[in-house]
Amino acid sequence: MNVMSISAFTRSGLIAVSCALAAILVTSPPASSQNVKESFRGNAINMNSLPRTTTVDFTIERWSTDAEREQLLAILKQEKNEYQANQRLLATLQKMPKVGSIHTTRTLAWDLHYAYSTPLEEGGRRVVLATDRPIGFNEAGSSARTLDYPFTVVEIHFDRNDEGEGRILAGTKILIDKNNNLVLENYSTQPIRFNQIRKRG
């Protein structure tokens, strides 16, 4: 399987976004940065209904290892059933040690279970965060279609001054298409914009 060959596609009115998954599962972080604590704040803009802006804070306490990345990638390679692959991926991700946390001004902190940092050719770096998505009682009890989209993925491009912008995919599933490409399929029409991200403290 050539996991470096990645495409984006739309299916049943849902947008599929793939480049973040490449950063999650394919590239490796610098070994020297495995245990550096960093905190950031940015503005998230949800354009899927009436535009709404909220402040998002996140902290990275450690970077995920190559072994953790390979463990997740192996599930997608081995499990051909899309639903079962995502359920196994979810269970595995939830059992991984906490790498940090994320929260808004209106929510409690939620544990992050995956964090990768890779250098960009033009300078700066790409940071990708991934975790399970909070599921409310009403959603869980209704067997809603949204339950098939259990992941939250955040992708950020930082410049040399650690100022960045990116996107948040809240409600995402991960799959391999018929051409063996890894993709992220987002339930909402658009990812949430994540702008004016800067270090805290």
Foldseek 3Di string as FASTA:
>chain_A
DPQVDADWDDDPLWTKAAPLVCQFQPDAADPVQFADKFKKKWWWWDPQDPTDIWIKIKIFGGADHNVLSVVLVVLQVPDQDQQVSQVVSQVSQVPADFGIWMDIPPDDIDTWRHWHWDADPVAFIKIKTKHFADDDPVRVVVVDPLVSQTMKMWIWTAHNQRWIWTFIQHRWGWHADPVRYIIIIGPGNDTIIIHRMHTDD
